[in-house]
Amino acid sequence: LTISPATIDRLLKPVRIQYQKRGRTTTKPGTLLKKQIPIQTTQWDESRPGFIEAGTVAHCGDSLSGTFVYTLDIVDIATGWTEQRAIWGKGESGVLKHLKDIEKALPFHLLGFDSDNGSEFLNQHLLRHFTQRKKPVRFTRSSPYHKDDNAHIEQKNWTHVRQWLGYQRLDKPMIVPALNERYRREWRTFHHFFRPSVKLLAKKRCGSKTIKHHDLPKTPYQRIIESPYILQQTKNAMTKYLENLNPFLLRKTIEEKLKKVFSLIDSG
């Protein structure tokens, strides 16, 4: 007795349908959250500080297995102000804890928060944190699989994290406080006051080429000073703080702390 594959498929089709109804759901995990957190489709006011992009950098080496260190990275679109925090794994509560710490360190109020579609961002903890406050923060997400939607943070992931830490696997919990000692102090100060960057003003297509126009290089501090949206009291405090800074000493301290981080990586 023989039976063709097509006949087997036809006979089993009702069984498969019955099984799918009982054992599966058409609502994937996170679908409801994604309806509550819209895709970023409208242009932010990029002249106003407070609209940030966020992402995470996985220090996993060649394998995503096990638990390892992530860097939580954010950038303000208007000023280029960045903050980084090391976290152990990327659990929802840990990410929220460090986002709160970052928000306290910003010299402006948070107005908008745009992230990728990772579960460390798309969860009820962050949704409540941003929406259930006196002045809600506009919480949006990028289009799935579209890295260009988060071009600003992708650039900072490279210049502020990968160029310094590389692609090594960081899988020791003691690395987290060592990295944060660097991220929270000299690292942020050096980048905010002494590392200028350009902003894209416009781009146009000319045949097969895209021509981009940028402004003059400025530090995040300079963009803060020039912004009409920042309190004068904040500007005065930052200017006074700058008077006592030594970029060469900051750079030296950063490198010394980085050596300590690498010694932890290399230790048994």
C-alpha atoms as a PDB file:
ATOM      1  CA  LEU A   1       0.000   0.000   0.000  1.00  0.00           C
ATOM      2  CA  THR A   2       1.492   3.345  -1.014  1.00  0.00           C
ATOM      3  CA  ILE A   3       0.328   6.884  -0.413  1.00  0.00           C
ATOM      4  CA  SER A   4       1.671  10.070  -1.945  1.00  0.00           C
ATOM      5  CA  PRO A   5       3.074  12.967   0.147  1.00  0.00           C
ATOM      6  CA  ALA A   6       0.324  15.212  -1.244  1.00  0.00           C
ATOM      7  CA  THR A   7      -2.371  12.831   0.017  1.00  0.00           C
ATOM      8  CA  ILE A   8      -0.724  12.649   3.465  1.00  0.00           C
ATOM      9  CA  ASP A   9      -0.636  16.430   3.616  1.00  0.00           C
ATOM     10  CA  ARG A  10      -4.329  16.659   2.623  1.00  0.00           C
ATOM     11  CA  LEU A  11      -5.417  14.074   5.222  1.00  0.00           C
ATOM     12  CA  LEU A  12      -3.417  15.697   8.030  1.00  0.00           C
ATOM     13  CA  LYS A  13      -4.495  19.279   7.257  1.00  0.00           C
ATOM     14  CA  PRO A  14      -7.615  19.213   9.545  1.00  0.00           C
ATOM     15  CA  VAL A  15      -5.506  17.804  12.395  1.00  0.00           C
ATOM     16  CA  ARG A  16      -2.887  20.520  11.986  1.00  0.00           C
ATOM     17  CA  ILE A  17      -5.542  23.237  12.052  1.00  0.00           C
ATOM     18  CA  GLN A  18      -7.076  21.776  15.211  1.00  0.00           C
ATOM     19  CA  TYR A  19      -3.656  21.597  16.890  1.00  0.00           C
ATOM     20  CA  GLN A  20      -2.820  25.171  15.975  1.00  0.00           C
ATOM     21  CA  LYS A  21      -6.031  26.454  17.541  1.00  0.00           C
ATOM     22  CA  ARG A  22      -5.368  24.681  20.819  1.00  0.00           C
ATOM     23  CA  GLY A  23      -1.622  24.987  21.158  1.00  0.00           C
ATOM     24  CA  ARG A  24      -0.682  28.302  19.583  1.00  0.00           C
ATOM     25  CA  THR A  25      -1.706  31.922  19.683  1.00  0.00           C
ATOM     26  CA  THR A  26      -1.625  34.467  16.896  1.00  0.00           C
ATOM     27  CA  THR A  27      -0.635  37.182  19.349  1.00  0.00           C
ATOM     28  CA  LYS A  28       3.131  37.057  19.674  1.00  0.00           C
ATOM     29  CA  PRO A  29       4.808  38.187  22.920  1.00  0.00           C
ATOM     30  CA  GLY A  30       5.174  41.953  22.848  1.00  0.00           C
ATOM     31  CA  THR A  31       2.542  42.582  20.177  1.00  0.00           C
ATOM     32  CA  LEU A  32       0.251  44.454  22.557  1.00  0.00           C
ATOM     33  CA  LEU A  33       3.176  46.517  23.853  1.00  0.00           C
ATOM     34  CA  LYS A  34       4.201  47.403  20.325  1.00  0.00           C
ATOM     35  CA  LYS A  35       0.728  48.805  19.756  1.00  0.00           C
ATOM     36  CA  GLN A  36       1.161  50.998  22.842  1.00  0.00           C
ATOM     37  CA  ILE A  37       4.664  52.107  21.833  1.00  0.00           C
ATOM     38  CA  PRO A  38       4.382  53.519  18.289  1.00  0.00           C
ATOM     39  CA  ILE A  39       7.028  53.481  15.585  1.00  0.00           C
ATOM     40  CA  GLN A  40       8.789  56.816  15.256  1.00  0.00           C
ATOM     41  CA  THR A  41       7.370  58.308  12.055  1.00  0.00           C
ATOM     42  CA  THR A  42       7.283  62.062  12.680  1.00  0.00           C
ATOM     43  CA  GLN A  43      10.325  64.313  12.760  1.00  0.00           C
ATOM     44  CA  TRP A  44      11.421  65.482  16.191  1.00  0.00           C
ATOM     45  CA  ASP A  45      12.405  69.081  16.812  1.00  0.00           C
ATOM     46  CA  GLU A  46      16.136  68.393  16.494  1.00  0.00           C
ATOM     47  CA  SER A  47      17.007  71.907  17.660  1.00  0.00           C
ATOM     48  CA  ARG A  48      15.536  71.260  21.104  1.00  0.00           C
ATOM     49  CA  PRO A  49      17.485  69.246  23.708  1.00  0.00           C
ATOM     50  CA  GLY A  50      15.618  66.375  25.318  1.00  0.00           C
ATOM     51  CA  PHE A  51      14.870  64.014  22.428  1.00  0.00           C
ATOM     52  CA  ILE A  52      17.153  61.017  22.744  1.00  0.00           C
ATOM     53  CA  GLU A  53      17.915  57.739  21.009  1.00  0.00           C
ATOM     54  CA  ALA A  54      18.870  54.715  23.103  1.00  0.00           C
ATOM     55  CA  GLY A  55      20.456  51.358  22.465  1.00  0.00           C
ATOM     56  CA  THR A  56      22.554  48.646  24.060  1.00  0.00           C
ATOM     57  CA  VAL A  57      25.967  47.253  23.153  1.00  0.00           C
ATOM     58  CA  ALA A  58      26.454  43.553  23.888  1.00  0.00           C
ATOM     59  CA  HIS A  59      29.912  42.679  25.205  1.00  0.00           C
ATOM     60  CA  CYS A  60      29.400  39.015  24.373  1.00  0.00           C
ATOM     61  CA  GLY A  61      32.460  38.218  22.305  1.00  0.00           C
ATOM     62  CA  ASP A  62      31.686  35.436  19.857  1.00  0.00           C
ATOM     63  CA  SER A  63      28.771  33.928  21.784  1.00  0.00           C
ATOM     64  CA  LEU A  64      25.418  35.204  23.035  1.00  0.00           C
ATOM     65  CA  SER A  65      25.135  32.327  25.503  1.00  0.00           C
ATOM     66  CA  GLY A  66      25.248  32.942  29.246  1.00  0.00           C
ATOM     67  CA  THR A  67      25.189  36.289  31.042  1.00  0.00           C
ATOM     68  CA  PHE A  68      27.566  39.100  30.203  1.00  0.00           C
ATOM     69  CA  VAL A  69      27.966  42.882  30.376  1.00  0.00           C
ATOM     70  CA  TYR A  70      25.988  45.296  28.225  1.00  0.00           C
ATOM     71  CA  THR A  71      26.553  49.015  27.794  1.00  0.00           C
ATOM     72  CA  LEU A  72      23.387  51.095  27.853  1.00  0.00           C
ATOM     73  CA  ASP A  73      23.995  54.018  25.500  1.00  0.00           C
ATOM     74  CA  ILE A  74      21.943  57.176  24.880  1.00  0.00           C
ATOM     75  CA  VAL A  75      22.468  60.290  22.773  1.00  0.00           C
ATOM     76  CA  ASP A  76      20.583  63.581  22.645  1.00  0.00           C
ATOM     77  CA  ILE A  77      19.846  64.509  19.034  1.00  0.00           C
ATOM     78  CA  ALA A  78      20.139  68.289  19.454  1.00  0.00           C
ATOM     79  CA  THR A  79      23.339  68.549  21.492  1.00  0.00           C
ATOM     80  CA  GLY A  80      25.139  65.241  21.024  1.00  0.00           C
ATOM     81  CA  TRP A  81      25.113  64.772  24.802  1.00  0.00           C
ATOM     82  CA  THR A  82      25.749  61.109  25.566  1.00  0.00           C
ATOM     83  CA  GLU A  83      25.598  58.873  28.614  1.00  0.00           C
ATOM     84  CA  GLN A  84      26.749  55.286  29.036  1.00  0.00           C
ATOM     85  CA  ARG A  85      26.138  52.797  31.831  1.00  0.00           C
ATOM     86  CA  ALA A  86      27.364  49.228  32.196  1.00  0.00           C
ATOM     87  CA  ILE A  87      24.745  46.669  33.229  1.00  0.00           C
ATOM     88  CA  TRP A  88      24.918  42.961  34.052  1.00  0.00           C
ATOM     89  CA  GLY A  89      22.668  41.298  31.508  1.00  0.00           C
ATOM     90  CA  LYS A  90      19.860  43.405  30.132  1.00  0.00           C
ATOM     91  CA  GLY A  91      16.956  42.636  32.401  1.00  0.00           C
ATOM     92  CA  GLU A  92      14.090  45.111  32.465  1.00  0.00           C
ATOM     93  CA  SER A  93      14.622  46.281  36.059  1.00  0.00           C
ATOM     94  CA  GLY A  94      18.365  46.783  35.555  1.00  0.00           C
ATOM     95  CA  VAL A  95      17.860  48.856  32.422  1.00  0.00           C
ATOM     96  CA  LEU A  96      15.212  50.974  34.142  1.00  0.00           C
ATOM     97  CA  LYS A  97      17.487  51.563  37.147  1.00  0.00           C
ATOM     98  CA  HIS A  98      20.308  52.870  34.965  1.00  0.00           C
ATOM     99  CA  LEU A  99      17.972  54.920  32.770  1.00  0.00           C
ATOM    100  CA  LYS A 100      16.776  56.701  35.898  1.00  0.00           C
ATOM    101  CA  ASP A 101      20.402  57.364  36.822  1.00  0.00           C
ATOM    102  CA  ILE A 102      21.087  58.713  33.342  1.00  0.00           C
ATOM    103  CA  GLU A 103      18.031  60.962  33.403  1.00  0.00           C
ATOM    104  CA  LYS A 104      19.245  62.568  36.640  1.00  0.00           C
ATOM    105  CA  ALA A 105      22.577  63.339  34.978  1.00  0.00           C
ATOM    106  CA  LEU A 106      21.099  65.126  31.953  1.00  0.00           C
ATOM    107  CA  PRO A 107      21.340  68.953  31.895  1.00  0.00           C
ATOM    108  CA  PHE A 108      17.855  69.152  30.353  1.00  0.00           C
ATOM    109  CA  HIS A 109      14.439  67.566  30.739  1.00  0.00           C
ATOM    110  CA  LEU A 110      13.698  64.369  28.850  1.00  0.00           C
ATOM    111  CA  LEU A 111      11.053  65.005  26.168  1.00  0.00           C
ATOM    112  CA  GLY A 112      11.259  61.990  23.868  1.00  0.00           C
ATOM    113  CA  PHE A 113      12.779  58.517  24.064  1.00  0.00           C
ATOM    114  CA  ASP A 114      13.306  56.392  20.953  1.00  0.00           C
ATOM    115  CA  SER A 115      14.756  52.881  21.099  1.00  0.00           C
ATOM    116  CA  ASP A 116      15.074  49.710  19.076  1.00  0.00           C
ATOM    117  CA  ASN A 117      12.619  46.829  19.488  1.00  0.00           C
ATOM    118  CA  GLY A 118      14.551  44.928  22.150  1.00  0.00           C
ATOM    119  CA  SER A 119      12.700  43.591  25.191  1.00  0.00           C
ATOM    120  CA  GLU A 120      15.003  45.594  27.462  1.00  0.00           C
ATOM    121  CA  PHE A 121      13.169  48.689  26.198  1.00  0.00           C
ATOM    122  CA  LEU A 122       9.742  47.466  25.105  1.00  0.00           C
ATOM    123  CA  ASN A 123       8.298  46.467  28.461  1.00  0.00           C
ATOM    124  CA  GLN A 124       5.721  47.658  30.973  1.00  0.00           C
ATOM    125  CA  HIS A 125       8.378  49.002  33.377  1.00  0.00           C
ATOM    126  CA  LEU A 126       9.657  51.555  30.873  1.00  0.00           C
ATOM    127  CA  LEU A 127       6.212  52.295  29.473  1.00  0.00           C
ATOM    128  CA  ARG A 128       4.958  53.248  32.947  1.00  0.00           C
ATOM    129  CA  HIS A 129       8.152  55.151  33.715  1.00  0.00           C
ATOM    130  CA  PHE A 130       7.805  57.396  30.685  1.00  0.00           C
ATOM    131  CA  THR A 131       4.036  57.781  30.425  1.00  0.00           C
ATOM    132  CA  GLN A 132       2.820  57.849  34.018  1.00  0.00           C
ATOM    133  CA  ARG A 133       4.405  61.122  35.113  1.00  0.00           C
ATOM    134  CA  LYS A 134       3.312  64.722  35.376  1.00  0.00           C
ATOM    135  CA  LYS A 135       4.902  65.549  32.021  1.00  0.00           C
ATOM    136  CA  PRO A 136       4.862  62.311  30.000  1.00  0.00           C
ATOM    137  CA  VAL A 137       7.833  61.486  27.791  1.00  0.00           C
ATOM    138  CA  ARG A 138       7.090  60.597  24.183  1.00  0.00           C
ATOM    139  CA  PHE A 139       8.100  56.918  23.968  1.00  0.00           C
ATOM    140  CA  THR A 140       8.658  55.551  20.440  1.00  0.00           C
ATOM    141  CA  ARG A 141      10.521  52.715  18.760  1.00  0.00           C
ATOM    142  CA  SER A 142      12.327  52.239  15.475  1.00  0.00           C
ATOM    143  CA  SER A 143      11.089  50.191  12.547  1.00  0.00           C
ATOM    144  CA  PRO A 144      12.083  46.535  13.004  1.00  0.00           C
ATOM    145  CA  TYR A 145      15.313  45.601  11.178  1.00  0.00           C
ATOM    146  CA  HIS A 146      15.904  49.201  10.071  1.00  0.00           C
ATOM    147  CA  LYS A 147      19.237  50.255  11.593  1.00  0.00           C
ATOM    148  CA  ASP A 148      19.093  53.604   9.778  1.00  0.00           C
ATOM    149  CA  ASP A 149      16.209  54.594  12.063  1.00  0.00           C
ATOM    150  CA  ASN A 150      18.705  54.776  14.937  1.00  0.00           C
ATOM    151  CA  ALA A 151      21.666  56.188  13.046  1.00  0.00           C
ATOM    152  CA  HIS A 152      22.667  58.585  15.838  1.00  0.00           C
ATOM    153  CA  ILE A 153      22.966  55.943  18.548  1.00  0.00           C
ATOM    154  CA  GLU A 154      24.565  53.425  16.180  1.00  0.00           C
ATOM    155  CA  GLN A 155      27.326  55.968  15.572  1.00  0.00           C
ATOM    156  CA  LYS A 156      27.859  56.557  19.301  1.00  0.00           C
ATOM    157  CA  ASN A 157      27.872  52.807  19.961  1.00  0.00           C
ATOM    158  CA  TRP A 158      30.964  52.734  17.785  1.00  0.00           C
ATOM    159  CA  THR A 159      32.782  55.951  18.784  1.00  0.00           C
ATOM    160  CA  HIS A 160      32.011  55.824  22.512  1.00  0.00           C
ATOM    161  CA  VAL A 161      32.034  52.089  23.218  1.00  0.00           C
ATOM    162  CA  ARG A 162      33.459  49.764  20.558  1.00  0.00           C
ATOM    163  CA  GLN A 163      36.491  51.878  19.702  1.00  0.00           C
ATOM    164  CA  TRP A 164      37.563  51.724  23.351  1.00  0.00           C
ATOM    165  CA  LEU A 165      36.391  48.319  24.530  1.00  0.00           C
ATOM    166  CA  GLY A 166      36.521  46.379  21.280  1.00  0.00           C
ATOM    167  CA  TYR A 167      34.620  43.125  20.851  1.00  0.00           C
ATOM    168  CA  GLN A 168      35.927  41.143  23.811  1.00  0.00           C
ATOM    169  CA  ARG A 169      33.585  39.100  25.976  1.00  0.00           C
ATOM    170  CA  LEU A 170      32.947  40.759  29.343  1.00  0.00           C
ATOM    171  CA  ASP A 171      31.379  38.049  31.483  1.00  0.00           C
ATOM    172  CA  LYS A 172      32.535  38.920  34.999  1.00  0.00           C
ATOM    173  CA  PRO A 173      30.152  40.875  37.275  1.00  0.00           C
ATOM    174  CA  MET A 174      33.001  42.887  38.825  1.00  0.00           C
ATOM    175  CA  ILE A 175      33.586  44.554  35.455  1.00  0.00           C
ATOM    176  CA  VAL A 176      30.276  46.443  35.769  1.00  0.00           C
ATOM    177  CA  PRO A 177      31.267  48.768  38.672  1.00  0.00           C
ATOM    178  CA  ALA A 178      34.732  49.240  37.150  1.00  0.00           C
ATOM    179  CA  LEU A 179      33.223  50.384  33.857  1.00  0.00           C
ATOM    180  CA  ASN A 180      30.675  52.620  35.543  1.00  0.00           C
ATOM    181  CA  GLU A 181      33.417  54.281  37.573  1.00  0.00           C
ATOM    182  CA  ARG A 182      34.796  55.348  34.211  1.00  0.00           C
ATOM    183  CA  TYR A 183      31.490  56.046  32.457  1.00  0.00           C
ATOM    184  CA  ARG A 184      30.076  58.247  35.237  1.00  0.00           C
ATOM    185  CA  ARG A 185      33.146  60.387  35.824  1.00  0.00           C
ATOM    186  CA  GLU A 186      36.073  61.275  33.574  1.00  0.00           C
ATOM    187  CA  TRP A 187      34.627  59.553  30.522  1.00  0.00           C
ATOM    188  CA  ARG A 188      31.477  61.658  30.278  1.00  0.00           C
ATOM    189  CA  THR A 189      33.315  64.841  31.243  1.00  0.00           C
ATOM    190  CA  PHE A 190      35.956  64.377  28.555  1.00  0.00           C
ATOM    191  CA  HIS A 191      33.400  63.726  25.821  1.00  0.00           C
ATOM    192  CA  HIS A 192      31.009  66.497  26.827  1.00  0.00           C
ATOM    193  CA  PHE A 193      33.601  69.251  27.144  1.00  0.00           C
ATOM    194  CA  PHE A 194      36.479  68.283  24.848  1.00  0.00           C
ATOM    195  CA  ARG A 195      35.243  66.022  22.033  1.00  0.00           C
ATOM    196  CA  PRO A 196      33.574  68.044  19.257  1.00  0.00           C
ATOM    197  CA  SER A 197      31.424  66.452  16.588  1.00  0.00           C
ATOM    198  CA  VAL A 198      29.518  67.675  13.546  1.00  0.00           C
ATOM    199  CA  LYS A 199      25.778  67.591  12.926  1.00  0.00           C
ATOM    200  CA  LEU A 200      24.177  66.795   9.608  1.00  0.00           C
ATOM    201  CA  LEU A 201      22.340  69.869   8.354  1.00  0.00           C
ATOM    202  CA  ALA A 202      21.114  68.632   4.987  1.00  0.00           C
ATOM    203  CA  LYS A 203      21.716  66.046   2.304  1.00  0.00           C
ATOM    204  CA  LYS A 204      20.696  65.881  -1.313  1.00  0.00           C
ATOM    205  CA  ARG A 205      20.942  63.354  -4.090  1.00  0.00           C
ATOM    206  CA  CYS A 206      23.047  64.268  -7.113  1.00  0.00           C
ATOM    207  CA  GLY A 207      22.893  61.447  -9.597  1.00  0.00           C
ATOM    208  CA  SER A 208      24.407  58.377  -7.963  1.00  0.00           C
ATOM    209  CA  LYS A 209      25.978  60.395  -5.142  1.00  0.00           C
ATOM    210  CA  THR A 210      24.558  61.787  -1.904  1.00  0.00           C
ATOM    211  CA  ILE A 211      26.036  65.127  -0.847  1.00  0.00           C
ATOM    212  CA  LYS A 212      25.914  65.885   2.870  1.00  0.00           C
ATOM    213  CA  HIS A 213      26.273  69.286   4.528  1.00  0.00           C
ATOM    214  CA  HIS A 214      27.425  69.491   8.152  1.00  0.00           C
ATOM    215  CA  ASP A 215      27.794  72.314  10.625  1.00  0.00           C
ATOM    216  CA  LEU A 216      31.090  73.240  12.309  1.00  0.00           C
ATOM    217  CA  PRO A 217      32.451  70.795  14.916  1.00  0.00           C
ATOM    218  CA  LYS A 218      31.196  71.617  18.415  1.00  0.00           C
ATOM    219  CA  THR A 219      31.264  69.880  21.766  1.00  0.00           C
ATOM    220  CA  PRO A 220      28.019  68.962  23.539  1.00  0.00           C
ATOM    221  CA  TYR A 221      28.891  71.688  26.062  1.00  0.00           C
ATOM    222  CA  GLN A 222      29.070  74.310  23.298  1.00  0.00           C
ATOM    223  CA  ARG A 223      25.716  73.215  21.902  1.00  0.00           C
ATOM    224  CA  ILE A 224      24.211  73.416  25.395  1.00  0.00           C
ATOM    225  CA  ILE A 225      25.535  76.973  25.804  1.00  0.00           C
ATOM    226  CA  GLU A 226      24.086  78.012  22.440  1.00  0.00           C
ATOM    227  CA  SER A 227      20.667  76.480  23.069  1.00  0.00           C
ATOM    228  CA  PRO A 228      17.864  78.907  23.999  1.00  0.00           C
ATOM    229  CA  TYR A 229      16.050  76.034  25.748  1.00  0.00           C
ATOM    230  CA  ILE A 230      18.639  75.502  28.501  1.00  0.00           C
ATOM    231  CA  LEU A 231      18.373  77.427  31.768  1.00  0.00           C
ATOM    232  CA  GLN A 232      21.022  80.123  32.222  1.00  0.00           C
ATOM    233  CA  GLN A 233      21.712  78.746  35.687  1.00  0.00           C
ATOM    234  CA  THR A 234      22.650  75.404  34.129  1.00  0.00           C
ATOM    235  CA  LYS A 235      24.889  77.100  31.572  1.00  0.00           C
ATOM    236  CA  ASN A 236      26.679  79.110  34.269  1.00  0.00           C
ATOM    237  CA  ALA A 237      27.291  76.013  36.378  1.00  0.00           C
ATOM    238  CA  MET A 238      28.734  74.106  33.414  1.00  0.00           C
ATOM    239  CA  THR A 239      30.998  77.003  32.432  1.00  0.00           C
ATOM    240  CA  LYS A 240      32.326  77.255  35.975  1.00  0.00           C
ATOM    241  CA  TYR A 241      32.916  73.507  36.034  1.00  0.00           C
ATOM    242  CA  LEU A 242      34.866  73.727  32.767  1.00  0.00           C
ATOM    243  CA  GLU A 243      37.316  76.241  34.258  1.00  0.00           C
ATOM    244  CA  ASN A 244      38.824  73.556  36.498  1.00  0.00           C
ATOM    245  CA  LEU A 245      39.108  70.803  33.897  1.00  0.00           C
ATOM    246  CA  ASN A 246      42.324  69.509  32.347  1.00  0.00           C
ATOM    247  CA  PRO A 247      41.703  67.444  29.191  1.00  0.00           C
ATOM    248  CA  PHE A 248      45.135  65.797  29.330  1.00  0.00           C
ATOM    249  CA  LEU A 249      44.616  64.683  32.911  1.00  0.00           C
ATOM    250  CA  LEU A 250      41.136  63.435  32.059  1.00  0.00           C
ATOM    251  CA  ARG A 251      42.491  61.402  29.144  1.00  0.00           C
ATOM    252  CA  LYS A 252      45.250  59.939  31.311  1.00  0.00           C
ATOM    253  CA  THR A 253      42.786  58.926  34.031  1.00  0.00           C
ATOM    254  CA  ILE A 254      40.456  57.355  31.459  1.00  0.00           C
ATOM    255  CA  GLU A 255      43.295  55.228  30.090  1.00  0.00           C
ATOM    256  CA  GLU A 256      44.387  54.181  33.588  1.00  0.00           C
ATOM    257  CA  LYS A 257      40.857  53.084  34.477  1.00  0.00           C
ATOM    258  CA  LEU A 258      40.563  51.299  31.166  1.00  0.00           C
ATOM    259  CA  LYS A 259      43.701  49.306  32.000  1.00  0.00           C
ATOM    260  CA  LYS A 260      42.037  48.204  35.239  1.00  0.00           C
ATOM    261  CA  VAL A 261      39.000  47.035  33.280  1.00  0.00           C
ATOM    262  CA  PHE A 262      41.182  45.003  30.914  1.00  0.00           C
ATOM    263  CA  SER A 263      43.095  43.521  33.845  1.00  0.00           C
ATOM    264  CA  LEU A 264      39.766  42.244  35.203  1.00  0.00           C
ATOM    265  CA  ILE A 265      38.970  40.770  31.806  1.00  0.00           C
ATOM    266  CA  ASP A 266      42.319  38.968  31.674  1.00  0.00           C
ATOM    267  CA  SER A 267      42.237  37.729  35.282  1.00  0.00           C
ATOM    268  CA  GLY A 268      41.390  34.058  35.856  1.00  0.00           C
END
